[in-house]
Amino acid sequence: MMKEPYLFLILLLVIGFIAKNSSLMIAITVLLILKIVGLEMKSFSFLQSKGINWGVTVITIAVLVPIATGEIGFKDLSGAFKTPYAWIALISGMLVALLAKGGVRLLADDPQITTALVLGTILSVSIFKGVAVGPLIGAGIAYAAMKIFSFFT
C-alpha cells in the first residue's frame, strides 16, 4: 500500500494536470523524485526553509529584467507618477508586498494552512481560469483577513 504523502502528491499532480498548472506539476514531480530517490530527509527541510526566498528572488529577477534590458528607464519612472493609475499601481505594489510579508509569517507559524491555500489556488485555476500566483499572496490575504477577524471577535 502506498503511503499517504505519495497518494496526496499524486492526487495534486492529477489536479495540476487537469488544471494545466505546469508550476504545480513541476513542483510535485520534483518532490516525488526526491522522495523516491531517498533524498527527502536531506532536502525537504532545506527546501522548506529556503524555497520561499529563492522563489521571491527569481520573481524579483523576472520583474527587473525590463530595467536590465533598457525597456524601462528613468524617463518611464518619472512619467509613472503623472497618472492616477500609476499611483494606484504604486500603492497596490506596496500593499501586496506587505500582504506577502504577513503570508510568509503565516506559512511559517501555521504550515498546514498551505494545503488550503494550494487547494484554493488549484480550484481557482481550474474552475475560474485564474492565474496561479502561488500560496504566498494567498497566505498574505488570509493573514490580513484573520487579523481583521480576530479584531472583531
N, C-alpha and C. Protein backbone atom coordinates (compact mmCIF):
# COMPACT_ATOMS: atom_id res chain seq x y z
N MET A 1 0.84 -1.19 0.00
CA MET A 1 0.00 0.00 0.00
C MET A 1 0.88 1.25 0.00
N MET A 2 0.49 2.24 -0.79
CA MET A 2 1.26 3.49 -0.87
C MET A 2 1.07 4.31 0.39
N LYS A 3 2.08 5.04 0.75
CA LYS A 3 1.99 5.92 1.90
C LYS A 3 1.17 7.15 1.55
N GLU A 4 0.58 7.74 2.55
CA GLU A 4 -0.30 8.90 2.36
C GLU A 4 0.38 10.06 1.62
N PRO A 5 1.64 10.42 1.95
CA PRO A 5 2.24 11.54 1.20
C PRO A 5 2.30 11.30 -0.31
N TYR A 6 2.61 10.06 -0.70
CA TYR A 6 2.64 9.74 -2.13
C TYR A 6 1.25 9.90 -2.75
N LEU A 7 0.25 9.37 -2.08
CA LEU A 7 -1.12 9.48 -2.60
C LEU A 7 -1.56 10.93 -2.72
N PHE A 8 -1.25 11.71 -1.68
CA PHE A 8 -1.63 13.12 -1.67
C PHE A 8 -0.93 13.86 -2.82
N LEU A 9 0.37 13.63 -2.97
CA LEU A 9 1.12 14.29 -4.04
C LEU A 9 0.61 13.87 -5.42
N ILE A 10 0.31 12.58 -5.58
CA ILE A 10 -0.19 12.10 -6.88
C ILE A 10 -1.57 12.70 -7.17
N LEU A 11 -2.41 12.81 -6.15
CA LEU A 11 -3.71 13.46 -6.33
C LEU A 11 -3.53 14.91 -6.76
N LEU A 12 -2.63 15.62 -6.11
CA LEU A 12 -2.37 17.01 -6.50
C LEU A 12 -1.77 17.08 -7.90
N LEU A 13 -0.94 16.10 -8.26
CA LEU A 13 -0.38 16.06 -9.61
C LEU A 13 -1.48 15.90 -10.65
N VAL A 14 -2.44 15.02 -10.38
CA VAL A 14 -3.57 14.82 -11.30
C VAL A 14 -4.38 16.12 -11.40
N ILE A 15 -4.65 16.75 -10.27
CA ILE A 15 -5.40 18.01 -10.29
C ILE A 15 -4.62 19.07 -11.05
N GLY A 16 -3.30 19.13 -10.83
CA GLY A 16 -2.47 20.08 -11.58
C GLY A 16 -2.51 19.82 -13.07
N PHE A 17 -2.54 18.54 -13.45
CA PHE A 17 -2.64 18.17 -14.87
C PHE A 17 -3.98 18.62 -15.44
N ILE A 18 -5.06 18.33 -14.71
CA ILE A 18 -6.39 18.72 -15.17
C ILE A 18 -6.48 20.24 -15.29
N ALA A 19 -5.90 20.94 -14.31
CA ALA A 19 -5.94 22.41 -14.32
C ALA A 19 -4.90 23.02 -15.26
N LYS A 20 -4.04 22.18 -15.84
CA LYS A 20 -2.97 22.65 -16.72
C LYS A 20 -2.05 23.64 -16.01
N ASN A 21 -1.73 23.31 -14.76
CA ASN A 21 -0.86 24.15 -13.94
C ASN A 21 0.54 23.55 -13.95
N SER A 22 1.38 24.01 -14.87
CA SER A 22 2.71 23.42 -15.03
C SER A 22 3.60 23.66 -13.82
N SER A 23 3.47 24.80 -13.16
CA SER A 23 4.29 25.06 -11.97
C SER A 23 4.01 24.04 -10.89
N LEU A 24 2.74 23.77 -10.66
CA LEU A 24 2.36 22.78 -9.66
C LEU A 24 2.86 21.40 -10.05
N MET A 25 2.70 21.04 -11.32
CA MET A 25 3.14 19.71 -11.76
C MET A 25 4.65 19.55 -11.62
N ILE A 26 5.40 20.57 -11.97
CA ILE A 26 6.86 20.51 -11.83
C ILE A 26 7.25 20.37 -10.37
N ALA A 27 6.63 21.18 -9.51
CA ALA A 27 6.95 21.13 -8.08
C ALA A 27 6.66 19.75 -7.50
N ILE A 28 5.52 19.20 -7.82
CA ILE A 28 5.15 17.88 -7.30
C ILE A 28 6.08 16.80 -7.85
N THR A 29 6.41 16.89 -9.12
CA THR A 29 7.32 15.92 -9.72
C THR A 29 8.68 15.95 -9.04
N VAL A 30 9.20 17.13 -8.78
CA VAL A 30 10.48 17.26 -8.07
C VAL A 30 10.39 16.62 -6.69
N LEU A 31 9.31 16.91 -5.97
CA LEU A 31 9.15 16.33 -4.63
C LEU A 31 9.03 14.81 -4.68
N LEU A 32 8.27 14.30 -5.64
CA LEU A 32 8.15 12.85 -5.78
C LEU A 32 9.49 12.20 -6.09
N ILE A 33 10.26 12.81 -6.98
CA ILE A 33 11.58 12.26 -7.33
C ILE A 33 12.48 12.26 -6.10
N LEU A 34 12.49 13.35 -5.34
CA LEU A 34 13.31 13.40 -4.14
C LEU A 34 12.91 12.32 -3.14
N LYS A 35 11.59 12.07 -3.02
CA LYS A 35 11.11 11.02 -2.12
C LYS A 35 11.52 9.63 -2.63
N ILE A 36 11.32 9.39 -3.90
CA ILE A 36 11.62 8.07 -4.48
C ILE A 36 13.11 7.76 -4.39
N VAL A 37 13.94 8.77 -4.68
CA VAL A 37 15.38 8.58 -4.65
C VAL A 37 15.92 8.48 -3.21
N GLY A 38 15.11 8.93 -2.24
CA GLY A 38 15.51 8.85 -0.84
C GLY A 38 16.25 10.07 -0.33
N LEU A 39 16.12 11.19 -1.01
CA LEU A 39 16.80 12.41 -0.59
C LEU A 39 15.90 13.35 0.23
N GLU A 40 14.72 12.88 0.59
CA GLU A 40 13.78 13.77 1.27
C GLU A 40 14.30 14.26 2.62
N MET A 41 14.97 13.41 3.36
CA MET A 41 15.44 13.81 4.69
C MET A 41 16.43 14.97 4.60
N LYS A 42 17.29 14.93 3.59
CA LYS A 42 18.30 15.97 3.45
C LYS A 42 17.76 17.22 2.76
N SER A 43 16.82 17.04 1.86
CA SER A 43 16.42 18.16 1.01
C SER A 43 15.15 18.88 1.45
N PHE A 44 14.19 18.18 2.03
CA PHE A 44 12.90 18.80 2.31
C PHE A 44 12.99 19.95 3.31
N SER A 45 13.71 19.77 4.40
CA SER A 45 13.79 20.86 5.39
C SER A 45 14.54 22.04 4.79
N PHE A 46 15.56 21.75 3.98
CA PHE A 46 16.30 22.82 3.32
C PHE A 46 15.40 23.58 2.35
N LEU A 47 14.65 22.84 1.53
CA LEU A 47 13.74 23.47 0.58
C LEU A 47 12.66 24.28 1.30
N GLN A 48 12.15 23.72 2.39
CA GLN A 48 11.09 24.41 3.12
C GLN A 48 11.61 25.71 3.72
N SER A 49 12.84 25.71 4.21
CA SER A 49 13.37 26.91 4.85
C SER A 49 13.86 27.95 3.86
N LYS A 50 14.35 27.52 2.70
CA LYS A 50 14.93 28.46 1.73
C LYS A 50 14.08 28.68 0.48
N GLY A 51 13.11 27.80 0.23
CA GLY A 51 12.36 27.85 -1.02
C GLY A 51 11.64 29.15 -1.29
N ILE A 52 10.98 29.68 -0.28
CA ILE A 52 10.23 30.94 -0.48
C ILE A 52 11.19 32.06 -0.86
N ASN A 53 12.33 32.13 -0.17
CA ASN A 53 13.31 33.17 -0.50
C ASN A 53 13.83 33.01 -1.92
N TRP A 54 14.09 31.77 -2.34
CA TRP A 54 14.53 31.53 -3.72
C TRP A 54 13.45 31.98 -4.70
N GLY A 55 12.20 31.62 -4.41
CA GLY A 55 11.10 31.99 -5.29
C GLY A 55 10.96 33.49 -5.41
N VAL A 56 11.04 34.18 -4.30
CA VAL A 56 10.94 35.64 -4.31
C VAL A 56 12.10 36.23 -5.10
N THR A 57 13.27 35.64 -4.96
CA THR A 57 14.44 36.12 -5.71
C THR A 57 14.24 35.94 -7.21
N VAL A 58 13.74 34.78 -7.62
CA VAL A 58 13.51 34.53 -9.05
C VAL A 58 12.44 35.48 -9.59
N ILE A 59 11.37 35.69 -8.84
CA ILE A 59 10.32 36.61 -9.27
C ILE A 59 10.88 38.03 -9.37
N THR A 60 11.70 38.43 -8.40
CA THR A 60 12.30 39.77 -8.42
C THR A 60 13.18 39.94 -9.65
N ILE A 61 13.96 38.92 -9.97
CA ILE A 61 14.80 38.97 -11.18
C ILE A 61 13.91 39.16 -12.41
N ALA A 62 12.83 38.38 -12.50
CA ALA A 62 11.93 38.48 -13.65
C ALA A 62 11.32 39.88 -13.77
N VAL A 63 10.97 40.46 -12.65
CA VAL A 63 10.37 41.81 -12.66
C VAL A 63 11.40 42.86 -13.06
N LEU A 64 12.66 42.64 -12.72
CA LEU A 64 13.70 43.63 -13.01
C LEU A 64 14.30 43.49 -14.41
N VAL A 65 13.99 42.42 -15.13
CA VAL A 65 14.53 42.22 -16.47
C VAL A 65 14.26 43.42 -17.39
N PRO A 66 13.04 43.99 -17.42
CA PRO A 66 12.83 45.15 -18.31
C PRO A 66 13.74 46.33 -18.00
N ILE A 67 14.16 46.47 -16.75
CA ILE A 67 15.12 47.53 -16.41
C ILE A 67 16.49 47.16 -16.97
N ALA A 68 16.88 45.89 -16.80
CA ALA A 68 18.19 45.44 -17.28
C ALA A 68 18.29 45.49 -18.80
N THR A 69 17.18 45.26 -19.50
CA THR A 69 17.21 45.29 -20.97
C THR A 69 17.07 46.70 -21.52
N GLY A 70 16.72 47.64 -20.68
CA GLY A 70 16.54 49.01 -21.14
C GLY A 70 15.12 49.34 -21.56
N GLU A 71 14.21 48.38 -21.46
CA GLU A 71 12.80 48.65 -21.80
C GLU A 71 12.20 49.70 -20.87
N ILE A 72 12.63 49.67 -19.63
CA ILE A 72 12.17 50.65 -18.64
C ILE A 72 13.39 51.43 -18.16
N GLY A 73 13.30 52.75 -18.23
CA GLY A 73 14.40 53.61 -17.80
C GLY A 73 13.91 54.70 -16.87
N PHE A 74 14.79 55.65 -16.57
CA PHE A 74 14.44 56.74 -15.66
C PHE A 74 13.30 57.60 -16.21
N LYS A 75 13.23 57.74 -17.52
CA LYS A 75 12.14 58.51 -18.14
C LYS A 75 10.79 57.87 -17.80
N ASP A 76 10.73 56.53 -17.89
CA ASP A 76 9.50 55.81 -17.55
C ASP A 76 9.17 55.96 -16.07
N LEU A 77 10.19 55.94 -15.24
CA LEU A 77 9.98 56.06 -13.80
C LEU A 77 9.38 57.42 -13.45
N SER A 78 9.94 58.47 -14.00
CA SER A 78 9.41 59.81 -13.71
C SER A 78 8.02 59.98 -14.30
N GLY A 79 7.78 59.42 -15.46
CA GLY A 79 6.46 59.52 -16.10
C GLY A 79 5.40 58.71 -15.38
N ALA A 80 5.82 57.70 -14.65
CA ALA A 80 4.87 56.82 -13.99
C ALA A 80 4.09 57.51 -12.87
N PHE A 81 4.62 58.58 -12.35
CA PHE A 81 3.95 59.26 -11.23
C PHE A 81 3.03 60.39 -11.69
N LYS A 82 2.79 60.47 -12.98
CA LYS A 82 1.97 61.53 -13.52
C LYS A 82 0.51 61.17 -13.69
N THR A 83 0.16 59.90 -13.51
CA THR A 83 -1.23 59.48 -13.70
C THR A 83 -1.79 58.87 -12.43
N PRO A 84 -3.10 58.99 -12.23
CA PRO A 84 -3.71 58.37 -11.05
C PRO A 84 -3.54 56.84 -11.06
N TYR A 85 -3.57 56.24 -12.24
CA TYR A 85 -3.40 54.78 -12.32
C TYR A 85 -2.01 54.36 -11.84
N ALA A 86 -1.01 55.17 -12.13
CA ALA A 86 0.34 54.85 -11.67
C ALA A 86 0.41 54.89 -10.15
N TRP A 87 -0.25 55.87 -9.55
CA TRP A 87 -0.27 55.95 -8.08
C TRP A 87 -1.02 54.76 -7.48
N ILE A 88 -2.12 54.36 -8.14
CA ILE A 88 -2.86 53.17 -7.68
C ILE A 88 -1.96 51.94 -7.78
N ALA A 89 -1.21 51.82 -8.87
CA ALA A 89 -0.29 50.69 -9.04
C ALA A 89 0.81 50.71 -7.98
N LEU A 90 1.34 51.89 -7.70
CA LEU A 90 2.39 52.03 -6.68
C LEU A 90 1.88 51.58 -5.32
N ILE A 91 0.72 52.07 -4.94
CA ILE A 91 0.13 51.71 -3.65
C ILE A 91 -0.23 50.22 -3.62
N SER A 92 -0.74 49.70 -4.73
CA SER A 92 -1.07 48.27 -4.80
C SER A 92 0.18 47.42 -4.63
N GLY A 93 1.26 47.82 -5.28
CA GLY A 93 2.53 47.09 -5.13
C GLY A 93 3.00 47.08 -3.70
N MET A 94 2.85 48.21 -3.02
CA MET A 94 3.25 48.29 -1.61
C MET A 94 2.36 47.40 -0.74
N LEU A 95 1.06 47.41 -1.01
CA LEU A 95 0.13 46.59 -0.23
C LEU A 95 0.39 45.09 -0.43
N VAL A 96 0.66 44.70 -1.67
CA VAL A 96 0.93 43.29 -1.96
C VAL A 96 2.21 42.84 -1.24
N ALA A 97 3.22 43.69 -1.23
CA ALA A 97 4.46 43.34 -0.54
C ALA A 97 4.21 43.19 0.96
N LEU A 98 3.38 44.04 1.52
CA LEU A 98 3.04 43.92 2.95
C LEU A 98 2.21 42.67 3.21
N LEU A 99 1.27 42.37 2.30
CA LEU A 99 0.49 41.14 2.44
C LEU A 99 1.40 39.91 2.36
N ALA A 100 2.34 39.92 1.43
CA ALA A 100 3.26 38.78 1.29
C ALA A 100 4.09 38.60 2.55
N LYS A 101 4.47 39.71 3.17
CA LYS A 101 5.22 39.63 4.43
C LYS A 101 4.39 38.90 5.49
N GLY A 102 3.12 39.25 5.58
CA GLY A 102 2.22 38.55 6.51
C GLY A 102 2.04 37.10 6.10
N GLY A 103 2.02 36.84 4.79
CA GLY A 103 1.89 35.47 4.30
C GLY A 103 3.07 34.60 4.68
N VAL A 104 4.26 35.15 4.59
CA VAL A 104 5.46 34.40 5.00
C VAL A 104 5.36 34.06 6.48
N ARG A 105 4.92 35.00 7.28
CA ARG A 105 4.77 34.77 8.72
C ARG A 105 3.72 33.69 8.98
N LEU A 106 2.59 33.76 8.28
CA LEU A 106 1.52 32.78 8.47
C LEU A 106 1.99 31.38 8.07
N LEU A 107 2.65 31.25 6.93
CA LEU A 107 3.13 29.94 6.48
C LEU A 107 4.17 29.37 7.44
N ALA A 108 4.99 30.25 8.03
CA ALA A 108 5.99 29.78 8.99
C ALA A 108 5.33 29.34 10.30
N ASP A 109 4.32 30.09 10.75
CA ASP A 109 3.65 29.79 12.02
C ASP A 109 2.62 28.68 11.91
N ASP A 110 2.01 28.53 10.74
CA ASP A 110 0.90 27.59 10.57
C ASP A 110 1.01 26.90 9.21
N PRO A 111 2.01 25.99 9.05
CA PRO A 111 2.27 25.42 7.73
C PRO A 111 1.11 24.61 7.15
N GLN A 112 0.22 24.07 7.98
CA GLN A 112 -0.88 23.27 7.42
C GLN A 112 -1.86 24.14 6.65
N ILE A 113 -1.80 25.43 6.82
CA ILE A 113 -2.68 26.33 6.05
C ILE A 113 -2.30 26.27 4.57
N THR A 114 -1.08 25.83 4.28
CA THR A 114 -0.62 25.71 2.89
C THR A 114 -1.54 24.81 2.08
N THR A 115 -2.04 23.74 2.69
CA THR A 115 -2.93 22.81 1.98
C THR A 115 -4.17 23.53 1.48
N ALA A 116 -4.79 24.31 2.34
CA ALA A 116 -6.00 25.04 1.94
C ALA A 116 -5.67 26.08 0.87
N LEU A 117 -4.53 26.73 1.00
CA LEU A 117 -4.14 27.74 0.02
C LEU A 117 -3.87 27.12 -1.35
N VAL A 118 -3.17 25.99 -1.36
CA VAL A 118 -2.89 25.31 -2.63
C VAL A 118 -4.19 24.82 -3.26
N LEU A 119 -5.06 24.24 -2.44
CA LEU A 119 -6.35 23.78 -2.95
C LEU A 119 -7.16 24.95 -3.51
N GLY A 120 -7.18 26.05 -2.81
CA GLY A 120 -7.89 27.23 -3.31
C GLY A 120 -7.32 27.73 -4.63
N THR A 121 -6.00 27.72 -4.74
CA THR A 121 -5.35 28.13 -5.98
C THR A 121 -5.71 27.20 -7.12
N ILE A 122 -5.65 25.89 -6.84
CA ILE A 122 -5.98 24.90 -7.88
C ILE A 122 -7.43 25.05 -8.32
N LEU A 123 -8.33 25.22 -7.37
CA LEU A 123 -9.75 25.39 -7.72
C LEU A 123 -9.97 26.63 -8.57
N SER A 124 -9.32 27.72 -8.19
CA SER A 124 -9.47 28.96 -8.94
C SER A 124 -8.93 28.83 -10.36
N VAL A 125 -7.80 28.16 -10.50
CA VAL A 125 -7.21 27.98 -11.83
C VAL A 125 -8.10 27.09 -12.69
N SER A 126 -8.57 25.98 -12.09
CA SER A 126 -9.32 25.03 -12.89
C SER A 126 -10.76 25.46 -13.15
N ILE A 127 -11.41 26.11 -12.20
CA ILE A 127 -12.82 26.48 -12.37
C ILE A 127 -12.99 27.87 -12.99
N PHE A 128 -12.21 28.84 -12.50
CA PHE A 128 -12.40 30.22 -12.93
C PHE A 128 -11.34 30.73 -13.91
N LYS A 129 -10.45 29.81 -14.34
CA LYS A 129 -9.36 30.17 -15.25
C LYS A 129 -8.49 31.27 -14.64
N GLY A 130 -8.30 31.19 -13.32
CA GLY A 130 -7.43 32.13 -12.63
C GLY A 130 -5.97 31.87 -12.95
N VAL A 131 -5.11 32.69 -12.41
CA VAL A 131 -3.67 32.56 -12.61
C VAL A 131 -3.05 32.16 -11.28
N ALA A 132 -2.28 31.09 -11.29
CA ALA A 132 -1.68 30.59 -10.06
C ALA A 132 -0.45 31.43 -9.71
N VAL A 133 -0.63 32.35 -8.79
CA VAL A 133 0.50 33.18 -8.35
C VAL A 133 1.15 32.60 -7.12
N GLY A 134 0.67 31.46 -6.68
CA GLY A 134 1.29 30.80 -5.55
C GLY A 134 0.61 31.12 -4.24
N PRO A 135 0.95 30.34 -3.25
CA PRO A 135 0.28 30.49 -1.96
C PRO A 135 0.74 31.70 -1.14
N LEU A 136 1.83 32.34 -1.51
CA LEU A 136 2.36 33.42 -0.69
C LEU A 136 1.40 34.60 -0.59
N ILE A 137 0.89 35.06 -1.70
CA ILE A 137 -0.05 36.18 -1.67
C ILE A 137 -1.36 35.73 -1.03
N GLY A 138 -1.80 34.52 -1.37
CA GLY A 138 -3.00 33.97 -0.71
C GLY A 138 -2.83 33.93 0.79
N ALA A 139 -1.65 33.52 1.24
CA ALA A 139 -1.38 33.49 2.68
C ALA A 139 -1.39 34.90 3.26
N GLY A 140 -0.89 35.85 2.50
CA GLY A 140 -0.91 37.23 2.97
C GLY A 140 -2.32 37.77 3.11
N ILE A 141 -3.15 37.46 2.13
CA ILE A 141 -4.56 37.89 2.21
C ILE A 141 -5.25 37.18 3.37
N ALA A 142 -4.97 35.88 3.51
CA ALA A 142 -5.55 35.12 4.63
C ALA A 142 -5.08 35.70 5.96
N TYR A 143 -3.80 36.05 6.05
CA TYR A 143 -3.25 36.64 7.27
C TYR A 143 -3.97 37.94 7.61
N ALA A 144 -4.15 38.81 6.61
CA ALA A 144 -4.84 40.08 6.84
C ALA A 144 -6.29 39.84 7.25
N ALA A 145 -6.96 38.90 6.58
CA ALA A 145 -8.35 38.60 6.92
C ALA A 145 -8.45 38.03 8.33
N MET A 146 -7.50 37.17 8.71
CA MET A 146 -7.50 36.61 10.06
C MET A 146 -7.29 37.68 11.12
N LYS A 147 -6.41 38.62 10.84
CA LYS A 147 -6.17 39.74 11.77
C LYS A 147 -7.43 40.59 11.92
N ILE A 148 -8.10 40.87 10.81
CA ILE A 148 -9.35 41.65 10.86
C ILE A 148 -10.41 40.87 11.62
N PHE A 149 -10.53 39.57 11.34
CA PHE A 149 -11.49 38.71 12.02
C PHE A 149 -11.23 38.69 13.53
N SER A 150 -9.97 38.51 13.91
CA SER A 150 -9.65 38.46 15.35
C SER A 150 -9.87 39.82 16.02
N PHE A 151 -9.76 40.89 15.27
CA PHE A 151 -10.02 42.22 15.84
C PHE A 151 -11.49 42.38 16.24
N PHE A 152 -12.39 41.79 15.43
CA PHE A 152 -13.82 41.93 15.69
C PHE A 152 -14.39 40.84 16.57
N THR A 153 -13.58 39.84 16.94
CA THR A 153 -14.10 38.78 17.82
C THR A 153 -13.49 38.85 19.20
